[in-house]
Amino acid sequence: MTTNRPAGVPSPPHPHERREPLPWHRPKPAEEDPNAPQSVLAILASPTYLLAEHDPDFITRPESRGPRLQIEYLKADTILTDEQIDHTIVVFGSTRVPEPAAARRNVAALRVAVRANPDNAETLARLATAERILAKSRYYDVAREFGRLVGAAASTARPRVVVMTGGGPGLMEAANRGASDVEARSVGLNIELPHEQYPNPYVSPELCFRFHYFALRKLHFLLRAKALVSFPGGYGTLDELFEVLTLIQTRKIKPIPVVLVGEHFWRRAVDFDYLVEEGVIDREDRELFWFAETAQEIWDGILRWYAAFGEPLGG
């Protein structure tokens, strides 16, 4: 078939293929230099010939830390935006507090061990700790129910608000699990540690991220945060809690509601009133958070806070 092409106008070239290969499309043949093929193989095997983005040794050098920080920030931010994750309620809490059934099994096993060796001080101490963990395991159910409340609201609210946790086990698992119970999506921000670890199975797979840098993980906890709910926890929970309180105290971030779940635990863990009495924080800083005990109390308190703040939770 002929085409009505004006004289002198050539056919467009193929976007990828050539009729005649360019000189560098083939390696130098052995007929020209017997050592050439081996030399080319050595060059191709050299790490310097790798594209920079495909060279793990280069990417992990200390001098490449800047680009790594940028990429780690950008990956999570881009995907969360693509997935239309507008706002989050961040839930922190101990990874050591399992669901009640698991806590009961641990206590039962340790009681058997104590009966077998009642004078073993280490086993007695482990039993005492396990019994306290069992007492706190009720918060697993609270966190799970709270995840359900947030997940159910996300199905109707626009823009949506979703649960975000550190992605680990324990009380964070419970919040992700509650969202999963009502078929709502939730986010998990795992951190790379020296020992092997796994995310909890209730985070939405497409919303589970792993970070190398704690700083960037902390940044993503707060970029979309509309509230912080802090269950009983240890160093990690305290670290995140006090960072958020400091940022609100200094107005480095827009104020958000902060809820401490389990008043008895938190009053023992941190004497906030003593800090006020000693003059190291102001009385108004004590008003940056409140206590709650049930999932409904947490949720209702957050809604009331936003009503007083003059904007909707998802605004």
Protein backbone atom coordinates (compact mmCIF):
# COMPACT_ATOMS: atom_id res chain seq x y z
CA MET A 1 0.00 0.00 0.00
CA THR A 2 1.29 3.43 -0.90
CA THR A 3 0.98 6.51 1.30
CA ASN A 4 0.40 10.03 0.14
CA ARG A 5 3.51 11.49 1.75
CA PRO A 6 4.91 14.77 0.43
CA ALA A 7 8.10 14.29 -1.53
CA GLY A 8 11.23 14.65 0.58
CA VAL A 9 9.58 13.75 3.93
CA PRO A 10 11.12 10.53 5.30
CA SER A 11 9.27 7.85 7.24
CA PRO A 12 9.46 8.29 11.02
CA PRO A 13 12.19 6.11 12.57
CA HIS A 14 11.30 3.18 14.81
CA PRO A 15 11.31 4.39 18.43
CA HIS A 16 13.66 1.60 19.62
CA GLU A 17 15.19 -0.32 16.74
CA ARG A 18 17.66 0.66 14.01
CA ARG A 19 18.12 -0.84 10.59
CA GLU A 20 21.88 -0.64 11.06
CA PRO A 21 23.44 -1.12 14.52
CA LEU A 22 25.69 1.58 15.94
CA PRO A 23 29.35 0.70 16.58
CA TRP A 24 28.91 0.27 20.31
CA HIS A 25 26.00 -2.15 19.96
CA ARG A 26 28.54 -5.00 19.81
CA PRO A 27 31.69 -5.58 21.88
CA LYS A 28 35.04 -5.46 20.19
CA PRO A 29 35.58 -8.88 18.61
CA ALA A 30 38.44 -11.22 19.46
CA GLU A 31 39.48 -11.21 15.80
CA GLU A 32 40.63 -7.64 16.30
CA ASP A 33 42.09 -8.14 19.80
CA PRO A 34 42.20 -11.56 21.50
CA ASN A 35 42.11 -9.91 24.96
CA ALA A 36 39.16 -7.62 24.21
CA PRO A 37 36.26 -9.93 25.21
CA GLN A 38 37.77 -10.69 28.62
CA SER A 39 38.53 -7.00 29.19
CA VAL A 40 34.96 -6.03 28.36
CA LEU A 41 33.61 -8.67 30.77
CA ALA A 42 35.84 -7.25 33.51
CA ILE A 43 34.53 -3.74 32.85
CA LEU A 44 30.90 -4.89 32.89
CA ALA A 45 31.51 -6.68 36.21
CA SER A 46 33.02 -3.60 37.86
CA PRO A 47 30.76 -1.83 40.40
CA THR A 48 31.76 1.48 38.84
CA TYR A 49 29.85 0.47 35.71
CA LEU A 50 26.58 0.03 37.64
CA LEU A 51 24.05 2.81 37.46
CA ALA A 52 24.25 4.69 40.75
CA GLU A 53 20.69 3.70 41.68
CA HIS A 54 21.59 0.01 41.18
CA ASP A 55 24.81 0.16 43.21
CA PRO A 56 24.01 -0.77 46.83
CA ASP A 57 27.58 -0.25 47.99
CA PHE A 58 27.54 3.32 46.73
CA ILE A 59 24.01 4.08 47.92
CA THR A 60 24.87 2.94 51.46
CA ARG A 61 28.06 4.99 51.73
CA PRO A 62 28.00 7.74 54.42
CA GLU A 63 28.44 10.34 51.67
CA SER A 64 25.14 9.21 50.10
CA ARG A 65 23.09 9.78 53.25
CA GLY A 66 21.47 12.95 51.89
CA PRO A 67 19.88 11.27 48.85
CA ARG A 68 18.85 8.30 51.02
CA LEU A 69 17.03 10.62 53.42
CA GLN A 70 15.27 12.31 50.53
CA ILE A 71 14.23 9.05 48.88
CA GLU A 72 13.02 7.54 52.16
CA TYR A 73 10.86 10.61 52.79
CA LEU A 74 9.59 10.72 49.22
CA LYS A 75 8.61 7.06 48.91
CA ALA A 76 6.16 7.05 51.82
CA ASP A 77 4.83 10.53 51.06
CA THR A 78 4.21 9.76 47.40
CA ILE A 79 2.46 6.45 48.05
CA LEU A 80 0.30 7.82 50.87
CA THR A 81 -0.76 10.63 48.55
CA ASP A 82 -1.45 8.21 45.70
CA GLU A 83 -3.53 6.07 48.07
CA GLN A 84 -5.52 9.15 49.16
CA ILE A 85 -4.51 8.90 52.81
CA ASP A 86 -5.42 12.42 53.82
CA HIS A 87 -5.49 12.30 57.62
CA THR A 88 -4.49 9.82 60.30
CA ILE A 89 -5.06 9.11 63.95
CA VAL A 90 -1.75 7.89 65.30
CA VAL A 91 -1.84 5.14 67.92
CA PHE A 92 1.19 4.33 70.05
CA GLY A 93 1.52 1.69 72.77
CA SER A 94 3.60 -1.16 74.07
CA THR A 95 4.63 -3.98 71.78
CA ARG A 96 4.86 -6.18 74.90
CA VAL A 97 1.15 -6.17 75.75
CA PRO A 98 -0.51 -9.00 73.76
CA GLU A 99 -4.14 -9.90 73.40
CA PRO A 100 -5.65 -11.21 76.68
CA ALA A 101 -5.70 -14.88 75.66
CA ALA A 102 -1.97 -14.84 74.92
CA ALA A 103 -1.25 -13.01 78.18
CA ARG A 104 -3.24 -15.61 80.12
CA ARG A 105 -1.34 -18.46 78.46
CA ASN A 106 1.97 -16.87 79.43
CA VAL A 107 0.88 -16.46 83.05
CA ALA A 108 -0.39 -20.04 83.20
CA ALA A 109 2.91 -21.40 81.87
CA LEU A 110 4.92 -19.38 84.38
CA ARG A 111 2.70 -20.52 87.26
CA VAL A 112 3.46 -24.11 86.29
CA ALA A 113 7.18 -23.27 86.27
CA VAL A 114 6.92 -21.66 89.72
CA ARG A 115 5.14 -24.67 91.17
CA ALA A 116 7.92 -26.87 89.82
CA ASN A 117 10.64 -24.63 91.29
CA PRO A 118 9.12 -22.26 93.87
CA ASP A 119 12.50 -20.91 95.04
CA ASN A 120 13.65 -19.67 91.64
CA ALA A 121 13.78 -15.89 92.05
CA GLU A 122 14.04 -15.19 88.33
CA THR A 123 10.91 -17.22 87.51
CA LEU A 124 9.01 -15.54 90.33
CA ALA A 125 9.98 -12.12 88.99
CA ARG A 126 8.94 -13.10 85.46
CA LEU A 127 5.59 -14.31 86.78
CA ALA A 128 5.00 -11.02 88.61
CA THR A 129 5.74 -9.07 85.43
CA ALA A 130 3.54 -11.37 83.35
CA GLU A 131 0.65 -10.84 85.75
CA ARG A 132 0.99 -7.08 85.37
CA ILE A 133 1.10 -7.48 81.60
CA LEU A 134 -2.07 -9.59 81.85
CA ALA A 135 -3.76 -6.79 83.78
CA LYS A 136 -2.81 -4.32 81.03
CA SER A 137 -3.93 -6.67 78.25
CA ARG A 138 -7.43 -5.26 78.62
CA TYR A 139 -6.08 -2.28 76.69
CA TYR A 140 -5.61 -4.58 73.70
CA ASP A 141 -9.37 -4.84 73.50
CA VAL A 142 -9.72 -1.07 73.96
CA ALA A 143 -7.24 -0.36 71.16
CA ARG A 144 -8.94 -2.89 68.90
CA GLU A 145 -12.35 -1.36 69.51
CA PHE A 146 -10.93 2.11 68.89
CA GLY A 147 -9.53 0.88 65.56
CA ARG A 148 -13.02 -0.32 64.68
CA LEU A 149 -14.52 3.08 65.50
CA VAL A 150 -11.98 4.93 63.37
CA GLY A 151 -12.32 2.40 60.57
CA ALA A 152 -16.11 2.64 60.55
CA ALA A 153 -15.93 6.43 60.45
CA ALA A 154 -13.44 6.29 57.56
CA SER A 155 -15.98 4.48 55.42
CA THR A 156 -18.30 7.50 55.47
CA ALA A 157 -16.08 10.52 56.21
CA ARG A 158 -14.48 12.62 53.47
CA PRO A 159 -11.65 13.28 53.61
CA ARG A 160 -11.08 9.99 55.37
CA VAL A 161 -9.20 9.53 58.63
CA VAL A 162 -7.35 6.25 59.08
CA VAL A 163 -5.44 4.54 61.87
CA MET A 164 -1.65 4.81 61.70
CA THR A 165 0.64 2.84 64.03
CA GLY A 166 4.26 1.80 64.26
CA GLY A 167 3.23 -1.45 62.58
CA GLY A 168 4.48 -3.68 65.37
CA PRO A 169 2.80 -6.18 67.69
CA GLY A 170 0.97 -5.55 70.96
CA LEU A 171 -1.25 -2.52 71.36
CA MET A 172 -0.37 -1.12 67.95
CA GLU A 173 -1.38 -4.44 66.39
CA ALA A 174 -4.71 -4.14 68.18
CA ALA A 175 -5.50 -0.77 66.57
CA ASN A 176 -4.64 -2.07 63.08
CA ARG A 177 -6.64 -5.20 63.80
CA GLY A 178 -9.72 -3.22 64.78
CA ALA A 179 -9.61 -1.34 61.48
CA SER A 180 -9.22 -4.66 59.67
CA ASP A 181 -12.25 -6.04 61.54
CA VAL A 182 -14.47 -3.51 59.75
CA GLU A 183 -12.61 -3.90 56.43
CA ALA A 184 -11.00 -0.49 56.72
CA ARG A 185 -7.46 0.24 55.63
CA SER A 186 -4.76 1.28 58.11
CA VAL A 187 -1.14 2.36 57.96
CA GLY A 188 1.94 0.88 59.63
CA LEU A 189 5.35 2.54 59.82
CA ASN A 190 7.90 -0.14 60.69
CA ILE A 191 11.52 0.64 61.53
CA GLU A 192 14.56 -1.36 60.46
CA LEU A 193 16.36 -2.72 63.52
CA PRO A 194 19.55 -4.76 63.98
CA HIS A 195 17.54 -7.90 64.74
CA GLU A 196 14.87 -9.53 62.58
CA GLN A 197 11.32 -8.29 63.02
CA TYR A 198 7.97 -8.60 61.32
CA PRO A 199 5.05 -6.20 60.87
CA ASN A 200 1.77 -7.17 62.45
CA PRO A 201 -0.55 -8.96 59.99
CA TYR A 202 -3.38 -6.41 60.20
CA VAL A 203 -1.72 -3.45 58.47
CA SER A 204 -2.95 -2.94 54.91
CA PRO A 205 -0.13 -4.40 52.76
CA GLU A 206 -0.11 -1.43 50.40
CA LEU A 207 0.19 0.94 53.38
CA CYS A 208 2.95 -0.79 55.35
CA PHE A 209 6.31 0.98 55.14
CA ARG A 210 9.75 0.21 56.53
CA PHE A 211 12.11 3.01 57.48
CA HIS A 212 15.82 3.07 58.13
CA TYR A 213 15.82 6.50 59.77
CA PHE A 214 13.85 7.10 62.96
CA ALA A 215 13.69 10.81 62.14
CA LEU A 216 11.81 10.25 58.89
CA ARG A 217 9.48 7.75 60.51
CA LYS A 218 8.68 10.36 63.17
CA LEU A 219 8.09 12.94 60.44
CA HIS A 220 5.56 10.73 58.70
CA PHE A 221 3.78 10.00 61.97
CA LEU A 222 2.95 13.69 62.24
CA LEU A 223 2.59 14.94 58.65
CA ARG A 224 -1.02 13.75 58.41
CA ALA A 225 -1.83 13.34 62.11
CA LYS A 226 -5.16 14.64 63.36
CA ALA A 227 -4.80 13.10 66.83
CA LEU A 228 -2.42 11.08 68.98
CA VAL A 229 -3.70 8.25 71.14
CA SER A 230 -1.08 6.87 73.49
CA PHE A 231 -1.66 3.59 75.30
CA PRO A 232 0.62 2.32 78.10
CA GLY A 233 4.12 1.74 76.77
CA GLY A 234 7.83 1.98 77.33
CA TYR A 235 10.70 4.00 75.91
CA GLY A 236 9.38 4.08 72.34
CA THR A 237 5.91 5.21 73.39
CA LEU A 238 7.33 7.82 75.78
CA ASP A 239 9.69 9.07 73.09
CA GLU A 240 6.88 9.65 70.58
CA LEU A 241 4.52 11.10 73.19
CA PHE A 242 6.96 13.66 74.56
CA GLU A 243 8.09 14.68 71.11
CA VAL A 244 4.48 15.46 70.13
CA LEU A 245 3.81 17.29 73.38
CA THR A 246 6.98 19.37 72.91
CA LEU A 247 6.03 20.27 69.33
CA ILE A 248 2.56 21.37 70.46
CA GLN A 249 3.93 23.19 73.51
CA THR A 250 6.30 25.21 71.33
CA ARG A 251 3.67 25.57 68.54
CA LYS A 252 6.06 24.04 66.03
CA ILE A 253 3.01 22.10 64.82
CA LYS A 254 -0.65 22.96 64.77
CA PRO A 255 -2.23 21.66 68.00
CA ILE A 256 -3.85 18.23 67.83
CA PRO A 257 -5.68 16.28 70.53
CA VAL A 258 -3.51 13.99 72.64
CA VAL A 259 -5.22 11.21 74.59
CA LEU A 260 -3.46 9.11 77.24
CA VAL A 261 -5.29 5.82 77.69
CA GLY A 262 -5.09 4.33 81.18
CA GLU A 263 -4.97 7.09 83.77
CA HIS A 264 -3.59 4.89 86.56
CA PHE A 265 -0.63 3.81 84.41
CA TRP A 266 0.19 7.29 83.16
CA ARG A 267 -0.03 8.96 86.57
CA ARG A 268 2.46 6.40 87.89
CA ALA A 269 4.71 6.54 84.82
CA VAL A 270 4.93 10.35 84.61
CA ASP A 271 4.05 12.80 87.38
CA PHE A 272 2.87 15.68 85.22
CA ASP A 273 1.51 17.58 88.21
CA TYR A 274 4.95 17.42 89.83
CA LEU A 275 6.47 18.94 86.70
CA VAL A 276 4.02 21.84 87.01
CA GLU A 277 4.71 22.24 90.73
CA GLU A 278 8.44 22.29 90.09
CA GLY A 279 8.00 25.01 87.49
CA VAL A 280 9.62 23.06 84.63
CA ILE A 281 6.41 23.13 82.59
CA ASP A 282 3.54 25.61 82.75
CA ARG A 283 0.05 24.80 83.96
CA GLU A 284 -1.28 25.24 80.43
CA ASP A 285 1.13 22.52 79.27
CA ARG A 286 -0.71 20.11 81.54
CA GLU A 287 -3.80 20.89 79.46
CA LEU A 288 -2.29 19.58 76.22
CA PHE A 289 -3.71 16.09 76.88
CA TRP A 290 -6.38 14.24 78.78
CA PHE A 291 -7.00 10.72 80.07
CA ALA A 292 -9.49 8.14 78.79
CA GLU A 293 -10.30 4.52 79.56
CA THR A 294 -12.58 3.22 76.82
CA ALA A 295 -12.57 3.36 73.03
CA GLN A 296 -15.79 5.38 72.99
CA GLU A 297 -14.34 7.89 75.46
CA ILE A 298 -11.30 8.34 73.25
CA TRP A 299 -13.38 8.83 70.10
CA ASP A 300 -15.96 11.13 71.70
CA GLY A 301 -13.20 13.21 73.30
CA ILE A 302 -11.44 13.71 69.97
CA LEU A 303 -14.71 14.80 68.32
CA ARG A 304 -15.44 17.25 71.17
CA TRP A 305 -11.91 18.66 70.92
CA TYR A 306 -12.40 19.40 67.22
CA ALA A 307 -15.83 20.91 67.84
CA ALA A 308 -14.21 23.29 70.36
CA PHE A 309 -11.33 23.91 67.95
CA GLY A 310 -13.81 25.04 65.34
CA GLU A 311 -13.09 22.61 62.54
CA PRO A 312 -14.10 19.05 61.64
CA LEU A 313 -11.83 16.12 62.41
CA GLY A 314 -11.30 15.49 58.72
CA GLY A 315 -10.84 19.17 57.83
